[in-house]
Amino acid sequence: MKTLHLIPIFIFLVSGLNAQQVYYPPEFVPQQGLLLTWDYHPQRNVITAAIARAVQPSATVWVIYYPGQAPMDTTEIRTYLRDHLVPGENVHLIPGWTETLWIRDYGPFAGYENTANRSMQRQIIDAGYSNYNRPNDDSIPTQIGNLWNIPVNDMPLQFEGGNLLTDGLGRGWSSTRIFSQNPNLSPSEVKAMMEQYFGLDEMMYLEALTHSGGGIWCHVDMFMKIIDSETILMAQLPDHAPDHDLLESFADTLEKITNSNGIPYKIIRIPVPPKADGTWATTQNDEMRTYTNSIIINDVVVIPSYNLPDYDSAAINIYRSAMPGYRLVMIDSRDLTPLHGALHCISKEFTSENLLHFNHQKIAGLQTFQDTLTISTRLFASVSPDSVFVFYRNDVISDFIKMPMFSSNDFYTTTLTDLHPTDTIQYYLLAKGGGEAVTQPMPAPRSCYTFWFAPSTSAPAATKEKRQLIVAPNPTAGPLKISAGVDTEQMAEISIFDMMSQRVHQVNQTNLPATIKLPASLQNGIYTVVLRWRNADGRPLEASAVFVLIK
């Protein structure tokens, strides 16, 4: 099996956001709006219009038009947008000399920099994009900075925006292609520069996928999506695809590390859809279809679709489960992936004028009972917030109770009291300041964090040893072979769950590996198979995997 390629880690220590010189927020935190480029191409104009319509009214949209001679002037573009049901009041046309629509790669990295009075002010990083003989595209960050009077910081490093993802807490990811783009620098020098310019504690590098399509760029956003600071969506290739083992090694490695709050990343797998002919890419320059190349902008997620009902519906269900309360929109991306990109590649979020967002370690799921519970958060803010509150309730039909949070530097806490073992608590956070108002989670109160109690007198459940489960073929149309890396004659329980976590099939098996027949009643879609058994000394073992059923 191929292994994850990691460069030795150099730590750039900081002691809180106010000590950092720069901060570049991830796309899942509040943003002012979204930059798009008008491509003057009929098949792609309709995609641009669809994105502009999908994110309304949750974000401002700026459409960059070509100020020279072009097939459509601004009046014609506005008419086109209106005819495609795009509201006019929150969509703005701005001039920019461009050559392509891939603004994710050449566009501005908008973040914040500490000024002389230690107030975080917006700035733009302009990374190198000079290897493609497209000087107009390369100059867009400076054009935007000049237009909006925002300082631009040139970064002497060649790479594209699609090859940088961050968790908002100091860690970033890129593929190893960035090293070949900067041959005059050592990998450690590239790493140190990325950490310094983007205010990161640690950059991790994933081996470039070279047999999955997507062209020479090998961008991480084609197979990976950071949903929040604790959750990563990772593509899953069929086990016969050349890069299958490499992707599995990524998922396995990321699942074993924690974010800077000490919380293990939750890895959610999403199947890679096939091309129109039903096959998957096996070469670098082939078409790479993807569901991770989506757009998160405030409380909206815009997801690629491919006119594959089973895969498309499974993908939106995975997003719905992972991001409850968000408004989800799918847009046909079949005209983009042959060009080696999708929706994320043609959009670029632009951060709000004032920095205001939460670093909150959420309380969710089963908790040990206590009659008082403290909720705490760190608040990243460029100006002192006017107010910070927790809203909570102990059943889904009650009104929320509003409680102020009290601060110590940039940390805020409040304590819930008089809790009972039978309570199920829902809560969310709200902060206001600098003309901004943000909630955590973002779609609150449509979606809240929910937790409930196990009585403290209860005996702890036996710890299960985790094993890797292998299912084949995947996708499958019939019988499923199940292996957990061991041969055993112990009795094993095999359960299959649908996307709503409902058990749809269960069998007991006395030998592993095993081949099980799937019920004829199962509909096409994505399922989770869970295997439970005991080892020789009676210790419980458990393994699970996701598979796709396509009859």
Protein backbone atom coordinates (compact mmCIF):
# COMPACT_ATOMS: atom_id res chain seq x y z
CA MET A 1 0.00 0.00 0.00
CA LYS A 2 1.25 3.51 -0.77
CA THR A 3 1.75 5.67 2.29
CA LEU A 4 1.04 9.27 3.14
CA HIS A 5 3.95 11.51 2.22
CA LEU A 6 4.60 13.89 5.10
CA ILE A 7 7.37 16.45 5.27
CA PRO A 8 8.97 16.78 8.76
CA ILE A 9 6.93 19.21 10.81
CA PHE A 10 8.27 22.64 11.80
CA ILE A 11 6.06 24.42 14.32
CA PHE A 12 5.39 28.18 14.06
CA LEU A 13 4.23 28.81 17.63
CA VAL A 14 1.60 31.41 18.42
CA SER A 15 -0.16 32.22 21.66
CA GLY A 16 -3.65 33.15 20.59
CA LEU A 17 -4.94 34.94 17.54
CA ASN A 18 -3.89 38.37 18.79
CA ALA A 19 -0.25 37.18 18.79
CA GLN A 20 -0.43 36.13 15.14
CA GLN A 21 0.64 38.53 12.44
CA VAL A 22 -1.76 37.07 9.88
CA TYR A 23 -4.88 34.94 9.90
CA TYR A 24 -6.52 33.43 6.82
CA PRO A 25 -9.94 31.97 7.66
CA PRO A 26 -11.22 28.75 6.09
CA GLU A 27 -14.24 28.89 3.81
CA PHE A 28 -16.63 27.38 6.39
CA VAL A 29 -16.54 30.50 8.63
CA PRO A 30 -18.59 33.65 7.94
CA GLN A 31 -17.66 35.37 4.68
CA GLN A 32 -18.76 38.60 3.06
CA GLY A 33 -19.29 37.05 -0.33
CA LEU A 34 -18.18 35.07 -3.35
CA LEU A 35 -16.09 36.06 -6.39
CA LEU A 36 -16.97 34.58 -9.80
CA THR A 37 -15.56 35.24 -13.27
CA TRP A 38 -17.77 35.73 -16.32
CA ASP A 39 -16.35 33.34 -18.90
CA TYR A 40 -18.25 34.47 -22.02
CA HIS A 41 -18.95 30.83 -22.86
CA PRO A 42 -22.61 29.70 -23.16
CA GLN A 43 -22.20 26.35 -21.40
CA ARG A 44 -20.24 27.86 -18.52
CA ASN A 45 -22.19 31.12 -18.22
CA VAL A 46 -25.19 29.08 -17.13
CA ILE A 47 -23.13 27.50 -14.34
CA THR A 48 -21.94 30.92 -13.14
CA ALA A 49 -25.52 32.15 -13.09
CA ALA A 50 -26.66 29.04 -11.22
CA ILE A 51 -24.03 29.60 -8.51
CA ALA A 52 -24.98 33.28 -8.17
CA ARG A 53 -28.62 32.27 -7.78
CA ALA A 54 -27.90 29.41 -5.35
CA VAL A 55 -26.08 31.50 -2.75
CA GLN A 56 -28.75 34.21 -2.53
CA PRO A 57 -29.51 35.85 -0.17
CA SER A 58 -26.79 34.42 2.09
CA ALA A 59 -23.79 36.14 0.47
CA THR A 60 -22.83 38.99 -1.79
CA VAL A 61 -21.76 37.87 -5.26
CA TRP A 62 -19.22 39.77 -7.35
CA VAL A 63 -19.03 38.77 -11.02
CA ILE A 64 -15.81 39.88 -12.68
CA TYR A 65 -16.42 41.03 -16.25
CA TYR A 66 -13.84 41.85 -18.91
CA PRO A 67 -13.62 45.68 -19.24
CA GLY A 68 -12.26 45.57 -22.79
CA GLN A 69 -14.05 44.44 -25.92
CA ALA A 70 -16.13 41.35 -25.10
CA PRO A 71 -19.04 39.43 -26.64
CA MET A 72 -21.37 40.68 -23.88
CA ASP A 73 -21.37 44.08 -22.18
CA THR A 74 -22.55 44.64 -18.60
CA THR A 75 -26.14 45.29 -19.66
CA GLU A 76 -26.27 41.99 -21.52
CA ILE A 77 -24.71 40.14 -18.56
CA ARG A 78 -27.26 41.62 -16.14
CA THR A 79 -30.07 40.69 -18.52
CA TYR A 80 -28.70 37.15 -18.77
CA LEU A 81 -28.54 36.87 -14.97
CA ARG A 82 -32.06 38.24 -14.59
CA ASP A 83 -33.37 35.79 -17.20
CA HIS A 84 -31.75 32.99 -15.17
CA LEU A 85 -33.58 34.15 -12.02
CA VAL A 86 -30.57 35.70 -10.30
CA PRO A 87 -31.67 38.51 -7.93
CA GLY A 88 -30.07 41.81 -8.84
CA GLU A 89 -29.82 43.52 -5.44
CA ASN A 90 -27.02 41.35 -4.01
CA VAL A 91 -25.05 40.72 -7.21
CA HIS A 92 -22.44 43.20 -8.43
CA LEU A 93 -20.43 43.35 -11.64
CA ILE A 94 -16.82 44.47 -11.19
CA PRO A 95 -14.19 45.04 -13.90
CA GLY A 96 -11.18 42.76 -14.11
CA TRP A 97 -8.76 41.79 -16.88
CA THR A 98 -8.99 37.99 -16.98
CA GLU A 99 -8.40 35.11 -19.34
CA THR A 100 -10.12 32.11 -17.69
CA LEU A 101 -12.80 31.31 -15.13
CA TRP A 102 -10.56 29.41 -12.64
CA ILE A 103 -10.55 32.15 -10.01
CA ARG A 104 -10.02 29.67 -7.16
CA ASP A 105 -6.49 29.18 -8.42
CA TYR A 106 -5.38 32.69 -9.40
CA GLY A 107 -7.73 34.77 -7.24
CA PRO A 108 -7.01 36.66 -4.01
CA PHE A 109 -6.44 34.95 -0.67
CA ALA A 110 -8.36 37.33 1.59
CA GLY A 111 -7.41 37.36 5.26
CA TYR A 112 -6.30 39.61 8.09
CA GLU A 113 -3.03 41.17 9.23
CA ASN A 114 -2.12 42.80 12.52
CA THR A 115 -1.55 46.51 12.01
CA ALA A 116 0.56 48.87 14.11
CA ASN A 117 -2.29 49.31 16.60
CA ARG A 118 -2.68 45.49 16.78
CA SER A 119 -6.05 45.57 15.05
CA MET A 120 -6.64 42.82 12.52
CA GLN A 121 -7.26 44.46 9.15
CA ARG A 122 -8.03 42.82 5.82
CA GLN A 123 -5.20 42.08 3.44
CA ILE A 124 -4.77 40.01 0.26
CA ILE A 125 -2.06 37.46 -0.49
CA ASP A 126 -1.11 37.20 -4.16
CA ALA A 127 0.60 33.86 -4.78
CA GLY A 128 2.58 33.17 -7.96
CA TYR A 129 0.59 32.07 -11.02
CA SER A 130 3.07 32.82 -13.78
CA ASN A 131 3.66 29.32 -15.16
CA TYR A 132 0.59 29.30 -17.42
CA ASN A 133 1.27 32.35 -19.61
CA ARG A 134 -1.88 34.07 -18.37
CA PRO A 135 -0.65 37.42 -16.97
CA ASN A 136 -4.13 38.91 -16.68
CA ASP A 137 -5.30 36.06 -14.45
CA ASP A 138 -2.08 36.32 -12.45
CA SER A 139 -2.75 40.02 -11.77
CA ILE A 140 -6.33 39.62 -10.48
CA PRO A 141 -5.44 39.78 -6.74
CA THR A 142 -3.71 43.11 -7.31
CA GLN A 143 -6.58 44.35 -9.47
CA ILE A 144 -9.07 43.47 -6.70
CA GLY A 145 -6.86 45.02 -4.01
CA ASN A 146 -6.60 48.26 -5.96
CA LEU A 147 -10.34 48.32 -6.68
CA TRP A 148 -11.29 47.86 -3.02
CA ASN A 149 -8.30 49.65 -1.46
CA ILE A 150 -7.05 46.53 0.36
CA PRO A 151 -3.28 45.98 0.82
CA VAL A 152 -1.79 43.19 -1.32
CA ASN A 153 1.11 41.07 -0.08
CA ASP A 154 3.03 39.34 -2.87
CA MET A 155 4.02 35.77 -1.99
CA PRO A 156 7.15 34.46 -3.78
CA LEU A 157 5.77 30.95 -4.16
CA GLN A 158 4.09 29.29 -7.14
CA PHE A 159 0.86 27.43 -6.33
CA GLU A 160 -2.89 27.55 -6.92
CA GLY A 161 -5.72 28.20 -4.47
CA GLY A 162 -7.26 24.80 -5.13
CA ASN A 163 -4.19 23.24 -3.55
CA LEU A 164 -4.63 24.75 -0.09
CA LEU A 165 -7.22 23.74 2.51
CA THR A 166 -7.16 24.79 6.18
CA ASP A 167 -9.05 23.86 9.34
CA GLY A 168 -9.13 27.40 10.78
CA LEU A 169 -7.11 26.30 13.80
CA GLY A 170 -3.61 26.40 12.41
CA ARG A 171 -3.32 23.37 10.13
CA GLY A 172 -3.26 23.35 6.34
CA TRP A 173 -3.12 20.71 3.61
CA SER A 174 -1.65 20.72 0.12
CA SER A 175 -0.48 18.12 -2.35
CA THR A 176 3.18 17.46 -3.02
CA ARG A 177 2.85 19.00 -6.47
CA ILE A 178 3.71 22.35 -4.87
CA PHE A 179 7.31 21.15 -4.53
CA SER A 180 7.76 20.56 -8.26
CA GLN A 181 6.27 24.02 -8.92
CA ASN A 182 9.03 25.59 -6.82
CA PRO A 183 12.18 23.64 -7.79
CA ASN A 184 14.54 26.31 -6.45
CA LEU A 185 13.24 25.80 -2.91
CA SER A 186 13.59 22.78 -0.66
CA PRO A 187 10.41 21.14 0.69
CA SER A 188 11.19 22.50 4.15
CA GLU A 189 11.57 26.02 2.73
CA VAL A 190 8.21 25.73 0.92
CA LYS A 191 6.61 24.47 4.11
CA ALA A 192 8.04 27.26 6.25
CA MET A 193 6.91 29.90 3.75
CA MET A 194 3.34 28.56 3.63
CA GLU A 195 3.16 28.53 7.42
CA GLN A 196 4.57 32.03 7.73
CA TYR A 197 2.42 33.73 5.08
CA PHE A 198 -0.84 32.04 6.09
CA GLY A 199 -0.24 32.09 9.86
CA LEU A 200 -0.29 28.30 10.15
CA ASP A 201 1.23 26.11 12.83
CA GLU A 202 1.61 23.12 10.54
CA MET A 203 1.37 22.33 6.83
CA MET A 204 0.75 18.70 5.86
CA TYR A 205 1.51 17.44 2.37
CA LEU A 206 -0.42 14.63 0.72
CA GLU A 207 1.11 12.66 -2.12
CA ALA A 208 -0.21 13.90 -5.47
CA LEU A 209 -2.84 11.67 -7.12
CA THR A 210 -1.50 10.88 -10.57
CA HIS A 211 -3.93 8.19 -11.76
CA SER A 212 -7.30 9.77 -10.99
CA GLY A 213 -7.67 12.46 -13.63
CA GLY A 214 -7.78 16.14 -12.80
CA GLY A 215 -4.81 17.09 -14.96
CA ILE A 216 -1.37 18.19 -13.90
CA TRP A 217 -2.64 20.33 -11.00
CA CYS A 218 -3.22 17.51 -8.48
CA HIS A 219 -5.25 19.78 -6.20
CA VAL A 220 -6.41 18.60 -2.79
CA ASP A 221 -9.87 20.18 -3.26
CA MET A 222 -10.65 17.54 -5.87
CA PHE A 223 -10.72 14.75 -3.26
CA MET A 224 -10.94 16.47 0.13
CA LYS A 225 -13.24 19.01 1.83
CA ILE A 226 -12.86 20.59 5.27
CA ILE A 227 -16.42 20.87 6.60
CA ASP A 228 -15.49 22.35 9.96
CA SER A 229 -12.48 22.36 12.28
CA GLU A 230 -13.28 18.79 13.37
CA THR A 231 -14.65 17.17 10.21
CA ILE A 232 -13.10 16.22 6.86
CA LEU A 233 -14.99 14.89 3.86
CA MET A 234 -12.75 12.49 1.90
CA ALA A 235 -13.43 10.98 -1.52
CA GLN A 236 -13.62 7.20 -1.80
CA LEU A 237 -12.56 5.48 -5.00
CA PRO A 238 -13.63 1.97 -6.01
CA ASP A 239 -11.11 -0.59 -4.82
CA HIS A 240 -10.04 -1.34 -8.40
CA ALA A 241 -9.01 2.30 -9.08
CA PRO A 242 -5.23 2.86 -9.15
CA ASP A 243 -5.24 5.59 -6.47
CA HIS A 244 -7.65 3.74 -4.15
CA ASP A 245 -4.94 2.64 -1.70
CA LEU A 246 -3.41 6.11 -1.61
CA LEU A 247 -6.73 7.74 -0.71
CA GLU A 248 -7.33 5.11 1.96
CA SER A 249 -3.94 5.89 3.47
CA PHE A 250 -4.85 9.59 3.59
CA ALA A 251 -8.10 8.83 5.42
CA ASP A 252 -6.37 6.45 7.82
CA THR A 253 -3.62 8.94 8.68
CA LEU A 254 -5.93 11.93 9.15
CA GLU A 255 -8.23 9.89 11.37
CA LYS A 256 -5.31 9.30 13.76
CA ILE A 257 -4.39 12.94 14.35
CA THR A 258 -6.12 15.72 16.27
CA ASN A 259 -6.76 19.39 15.65
CA SER A 260 -5.14 22.02 17.87
CA ASN A 261 -7.99 21.60 20.39
CA GLY A 262 -7.00 17.95 20.81
CA ILE A 263 -10.11 16.66 19.00
CA PRO A 264 -9.61 13.77 16.51
CA TYR A 265 -10.75 14.59 13.02
CA LYS A 266 -13.93 12.83 11.96
CA ILE A 267 -13.42 11.46 8.43
CA ILE A 268 -16.57 11.09 6.32
CA ARG A 269 -16.25 9.19 3.05
CA ILE A 270 -18.08 10.15 -0.12
CA PRO A 271 -17.91 7.91 -3.22
CA VAL A 272 -16.28 9.24 -6.38
CA PRO A 273 -18.83 9.18 -9.24
CA PRO A 274 -17.91 7.48 -12.52
CA LYS A 275 -17.55 9.21 -15.86
CA ALA A 276 -20.38 9.13 -18.39
CA ASP A 277 -19.18 5.75 -19.70
CA GLY A 278 -19.41 4.18 -16.22
CA THR A 279 -15.64 3.96 -15.66
CA TRP A 280 -13.22 5.82 -13.41
CA ALA A 281 -10.06 7.64 -14.44
CA THR A 282 -6.80 5.69 -14.53
CA THR A 283 -4.50 8.40 -15.89
CA GLN A 284 -3.57 11.88 -14.77
CA ASN A 285 -5.12 13.75 -17.70
CA ASP A 286 -8.45 11.93 -17.62
CA GLU A 287 -11.71 13.41 -16.31
CA MET A 288 -11.96 13.50 -12.51
CA ARG A 289 -15.52 13.76 -11.26
CA THR A 290 -15.82 14.84 -7.66
CA TYR A 291 -18.30 15.80 -4.96
CA THR A 292 -15.70 17.39 -2.67
CA ASN A 293 -15.14 20.28 -5.10
CA SER A 294 -18.12 22.08 -3.61
CA ILE A 295 -18.67 25.63 -2.35
CA ILE A 296 -19.40 26.49 1.29
CA ILE A 297 -20.50 30.11 1.63
CA ASN A 298 -22.10 31.02 4.96
CA ASP A 299 -25.13 28.74 5.42
CA VAL A 300 -25.22 27.45 1.81
CA VAL A 301 -23.40 24.49 0.25
CA VAL A 302 -23.30 24.23 -3.56
CA ILE A 303 -22.48 20.67 -4.67
CA PRO A 304 -21.57 19.32 -8.13
CA SER A 305 -23.97 16.89 -9.80
CA TYR A 306 -23.50 14.67 -12.86
CA ASN A 307 -26.92 13.40 -13.94
CA LEU A 308 -26.21 10.17 -12.02
CA PRO A 309 -29.31 9.87 -9.81
CA ASP A 310 -27.93 7.20 -7.46
CA TYR A 311 -24.58 8.86 -6.90
CA ASP A 312 -25.98 12.42 -6.84
CA SER A 313 -28.68 11.57 -4.30
CA ALA A 314 -26.19 9.66 -2.16
CA ALA A 315 -23.81 12.65 -2.22
CA ILE A 316 -26.41 15.19 -1.14
CA ASN A 317 -27.55 12.82 1.62
CA ILE A 318 -23.97 12.59 2.91
CA TYR A 319 -23.74 16.39 2.97
CA ARG A 320 -27.17 16.63 4.62
CA SER A 321 -26.08 14.24 7.36
CA ALA A 322 -22.71 15.94 7.86
CA MET A 323 -23.99 19.53 7.67
CA PRO A 324 -27.53 19.58 9.11
CA GLY A 325 -29.43 22.83 8.67
CA TYR A 326 -27.36 24.07 5.73
CA ARG A 327 -29.20 24.87 2.53
CA LEU A 328 -27.91 22.41 -0.09
CA VAL A 329 -28.02 23.09 -3.83
CA MET A 330 -26.71 20.83 -6.59
CA ILE A 331 -25.49 22.23 -9.93
CA ASP A 332 -24.71 20.16 -13.01
CA SER A 333 -20.93 20.20 -13.45
CA ARG A 334 -20.52 17.91 -16.45
CA ASP A 335 -19.13 20.79 -18.54
CA LEU A 336 -16.43 21.55 -15.95
CA THR A 337 -14.84 18.23 -14.98
CA PRO A 338 -13.50 17.47 -18.51
CA LEU A 339 -11.57 20.73 -18.04
CA HIS A 340 -10.14 19.32 -14.78
CA GLY A 341 -12.21 21.35 -12.30
CA ALA A 342 -15.65 21.79 -10.78
CA LEU A 343 -17.61 24.36 -8.74
CA HIS A 344 -15.01 25.13 -6.07
CA CYS A 345 -12.47 25.82 -8.82
CA ILE A 346 -14.53 28.64 -10.37
CA SER A 347 -15.37 30.49 -7.15
CA LYS A 348 -13.43 32.28 -4.42
CA GLU A 349 -14.84 33.39 -1.06
CA PHE A 350 -13.89 36.83 0.22
CA THR A 351 -13.77 37.41 3.95
CA SER A 352 -15.82 39.98 5.86
CA GLU A 353 -14.42 43.42 6.63
CA ASN A 354 -14.33 42.61 10.34
CA LEU A 355 -13.11 39.28 11.68
CA LEU A 356 -15.65 37.58 13.95
CA HIS A 357 -15.98 33.84 14.33
CA PHE A 358 -15.95 31.10 16.95
CA ASN A 359 -13.40 28.46 17.86
CA HIS A 360 -15.78 26.22 19.78
CA GLN A 361 -15.25 22.63 20.81
CA LYS A 362 -18.82 21.45 20.38
CA ILE A 363 -20.60 19.32 22.96
CA ALA A 364 -22.62 16.70 21.10
CA GLY A 365 -23.92 13.19 21.57
CA LEU A 366 -23.82 11.13 24.74
CA GLN A 367 -22.31 12.86 27.79
CA THR A 368 -21.75 11.72 31.37
CA PHE A 369 -24.44 13.32 33.52
CA GLN A 370 -23.69 16.35 35.64
CA ASP A 371 -26.25 18.82 36.95
CA THR A 372 -24.15 21.82 35.84
CA LEU A 373 -22.23 22.08 32.57
CA THR A 374 -19.91 24.82 31.32
CA ILE A 375 -19.99 25.85 27.66
CA SER A 376 -16.87 27.67 26.52
CA THR A 377 -15.56 29.14 23.30
CA ARG A 378 -12.77 31.24 21.95
CA LEU A 379 -13.79 34.16 19.78
CA PHE A 380 -11.60 35.32 16.92
CA ALA A 381 -12.40 39.03 16.53
CA SER A 382 -10.75 42.11 15.05
CA VAL A 383 -12.88 44.38 17.26
CA SER A 384 -14.28 43.81 20.74
CA PRO A 385 -17.66 42.07 20.38
CA ASP A 386 -20.77 43.89 21.61
CA SER A 387 -22.34 40.70 22.97
CA VAL A 388 -21.86 36.93 23.09
CA PHE A 389 -24.70 34.58 24.04
CA VAL A 390 -25.62 30.92 24.39
CA PHE A 391 -29.16 29.93 23.38
CA TYR A 392 -30.28 26.58 24.77
CA ARG A 393 -33.38 24.47 25.40
CA ASN A 394 -33.99 21.03 26.87
CA ASP A 395 -36.54 19.78 24.35
CA VAL A 396 -37.20 20.45 20.69
CA ILE A 397 -40.51 22.31 21.18
CA SER A 398 -39.51 24.75 23.93
CA ASP A 399 -38.33 28.28 23.29
CA PHE A 400 -34.60 28.89 23.53
CA ILE A 401 -33.28 30.41 26.75
CA LYS A 402 -30.76 33.22 26.18
CA MET A 403 -27.72 33.35 28.47
CA PRO A 404 -24.80 35.81 28.29
CA MET A 405 -21.26 34.47 28.02
CA PHE A 406 -18.56 36.09 30.15
CA SER A 407 -15.11 36.87 28.83
CA SER A 408 -11.52 36.49 29.90
CA ASN A 409 -9.36 37.86 27.10
CA ASP A 410 -10.77 36.15 23.98
CA PHE A 411 -12.28 33.19 25.88
CA TYR A 412 -15.99 33.14 26.75
CA THR A 413 -17.87 30.84 29.12
CA THR A 414 -21.29 30.32 30.65
CA THR A 415 -22.68 27.54 32.85
CA LEU A 416 -25.96 25.68 32.42
CA THR A 417 -27.47 24.70 35.78
CA ASP A 418 -30.26 22.52 37.12
CA LEU A 419 -29.78 19.85 34.46
CA HIS A 420 -31.49 16.45 34.77
CA PRO A 421 -30.45 12.97 33.59
CA THR A 422 -33.39 12.81 31.19
CA ASP A 423 -32.59 16.14 29.47
CA THR A 424 -31.72 16.39 25.80
CA ILE A 425 -30.07 19.78 25.34
CA GLN A 426 -29.92 21.78 22.13
CA TYR A 427 -27.77 24.91 21.97
CA TYR A 428 -26.04 27.41 19.71
CA LEU A 429 -23.79 30.47 20.09
CA LEU A 430 -24.36 34.04 18.87
CA ALA A 431 -21.86 36.92 18.75
CA LYS A 432 -22.31 40.47 17.53
CA GLY A 433 -19.67 43.10 16.90
CA GLY A 434 -18.23 45.42 14.27
CA GLY A 435 -21.47 45.32 12.34
CA GLU A 436 -21.29 41.52 12.07
CA ALA A 437 -23.48 38.85 13.67
CA VAL A 438 -22.37 35.22 13.58
CA THR A 439 -23.76 31.97 14.94
CA GLN A 440 -22.21 28.62 15.70
CA PRO A 441 -23.19 26.31 14.11
CA MET A 442 -23.59 28.52 11.06
CA PRO A 443 -27.24 27.62 10.20
CA ALA A 444 -28.50 28.13 13.78
CA PRO A 445 -31.21 28.03 14.95
CA ARG A 446 -32.23 25.74 12.06
CA SER A 447 -29.52 23.39 13.28
CA CYS A 448 -28.06 23.22 16.79
CA TYR A 449 -25.59 21.12 18.73
CA THR A 450 -27.44 18.40 20.63
CA PHE A 451 -26.32 16.31 23.60
CA TRP A 452 -27.91 13.99 26.13
CA PHE A 453 -26.81 12.14 29.25
CA ALA A 454 -25.78 8.74 30.48
CA PRO A 455 -26.19 8.52 34.29
CA SER A 456 -22.80 8.85 36.02
CA THR A 457 -23.50 5.68 38.00
CA SER A 458 -23.63 3.58 34.85
CA ALA A 459 -20.76 1.16 34.26
CA PRO A 460 -18.65 2.18 31.27
CA ALA A 461 -19.23 0.13 28.15
CA ALA A 462 -16.50 -2.31 27.15
CA THR A 463 -14.00 -0.68 24.87
CA LYS A 464 -14.13 -2.07 21.36
CA GLU A 465 -10.95 -2.65 19.44
CA LYS A 466 -11.24 -1.11 15.99
CA ARG A 467 -10.19 -3.03 12.89
CA GLN A 468 -10.21 -2.06 9.25
CA LEU A 469 -13.07 -3.61 7.30
CA ILE A 470 -12.59 -4.47 3.64
CA VAL A 471 -15.62 -4.88 1.37
CA ALA A 472 -15.47 -5.96 -2.26
CA PRO A 473 -16.47 -5.34 -4.91
CA ASN A 474 -17.25 -1.68 -4.25
CA PRO A 475 -19.50 -0.48 -5.86
CA THR A 476 -21.41 -3.75 -5.94
CA ALA A 477 -24.47 -5.12 -7.67
CA GLY A 478 -24.79 -8.32 -5.65
CA PRO A 479 -23.00 -10.41 -3.05
CA LEU A 480 -20.53 -8.60 -0.81
CA LYS A 481 -17.28 -10.12 0.39
CA ILE A 482 -16.32 -8.95 3.88
CA SER A 483 -12.90 -9.23 5.49
CA ALA A 484 -11.38 -7.63 8.58
CA GLY A 485 -7.79 -8.63 7.92
CA VAL A 486 -8.08 -11.82 10.00
CA ASP A 487 -9.42 -15.34 9.56
CA THR A 488 -11.63 -16.49 12.40
CA GLU A 489 -14.22 -19.10 13.25
CA GLN A 490 -15.73 -16.90 15.97
CA MET A 491 -19.38 -15.95 15.62
CA ALA A 492 -19.65 -12.52 13.94
CA GLU A 493 -22.63 -10.18 13.67
CA ILE A 494 -22.91 -8.36 10.34
CA SER A 495 -25.29 -5.40 10.13
CA ILE A 496 -26.07 -3.08 7.22
CA PHE A 497 -27.35 0.45 7.82
CA ASP A 498 -28.82 2.94 5.36
CA MET A 499 -28.03 6.67 5.19
CA MET A 500 -30.63 7.36 7.91
CA SER A 501 -28.76 4.98 10.27
CA GLN A 502 -31.61 2.48 10.06
CA ARG A 503 -30.59 -1.19 10.19
CA VAL A 504 -31.80 -2.76 6.94
CA HIS A 505 -30.16 -6.19 7.19
CA GLN A 506 -28.45 -8.37 9.80
CA VAL A 507 -26.90 -11.83 9.68
CA ASN A 508 -24.73 -13.95 11.96
CA GLN A 509 -21.65 -15.55 10.43
CA THR A 510 -19.33 -18.17 11.90
CA ASN A 511 -16.40 -17.77 9.51
CA LEU A 512 -14.44 -14.78 8.27
CA PRO A 513 -13.80 -13.74 5.54
CA ALA A 514 -17.47 -14.05 4.55
CA THR A 515 -19.61 -13.48 1.50
CA ILE A 516 -23.14 -12.28 2.23
CA LYS A 517 -26.12 -12.01 -0.06
CA LEU A 518 -27.76 -8.59 -0.07
CA PRO A 519 -31.56 -8.43 0.28
CA ALA A 520 -33.38 -7.87 -3.00
CA SER A 521 -35.37 -5.12 -1.31
CA LEU A 522 -32.35 -2.83 -0.94
CA GLN A 523 -32.51 0.19 -3.21
CA ASN A 524 -29.51 1.67 -4.98
CA GLY A 525 -27.55 3.98 -2.70
CA ILE A 526 -24.84 4.19 -0.06
CA TYR A 527 -24.80 1.84 2.94
CA THR A 528 -22.61 1.16 5.96
CA VAL A 529 -21.72 -2.39 6.91
CA VAL A 530 -20.72 -2.99 10.54
CA LEU A 531 -18.97 -6.17 11.67
CA ARG A 532 -18.82 -7.15 15.36
CA TRP A 533 -17.09 -10.18 16.84
CA ARG A 534 -14.77 -11.16 19.72
CA ASN A 535 -11.14 -12.16 19.71
CA ALA A 536 -9.69 -15.21 21.48
CA ASP A 537 -9.67 -13.56 24.93
CA GLY A 538 -13.26 -12.35 24.61
CA ARG A 539 -12.48 -8.71 23.87
CA PRO A 540 -15.09 -7.12 21.56
CA LEU A 541 -13.92 -6.14 18.07
CA GLU A 542 -15.66 -3.88 15.59
CA ALA A 543 -15.06 -2.76 12.02
CA SER A 544 -17.12 -0.78 9.53
CA ALA A 545 -16.99 0.39 5.92
CA VAL A 546 -19.12 2.19 3.39
CA PHE A 547 -20.21 0.60 0.12
CA VAL A 548 -22.30 1.67 -2.86
CA LEU A 549 -25.09 -0.53 -4.21
CA ILE A 550 -25.81 -0.16 -7.93
CA LYS A 551 -27.94 -2.89 -9.44
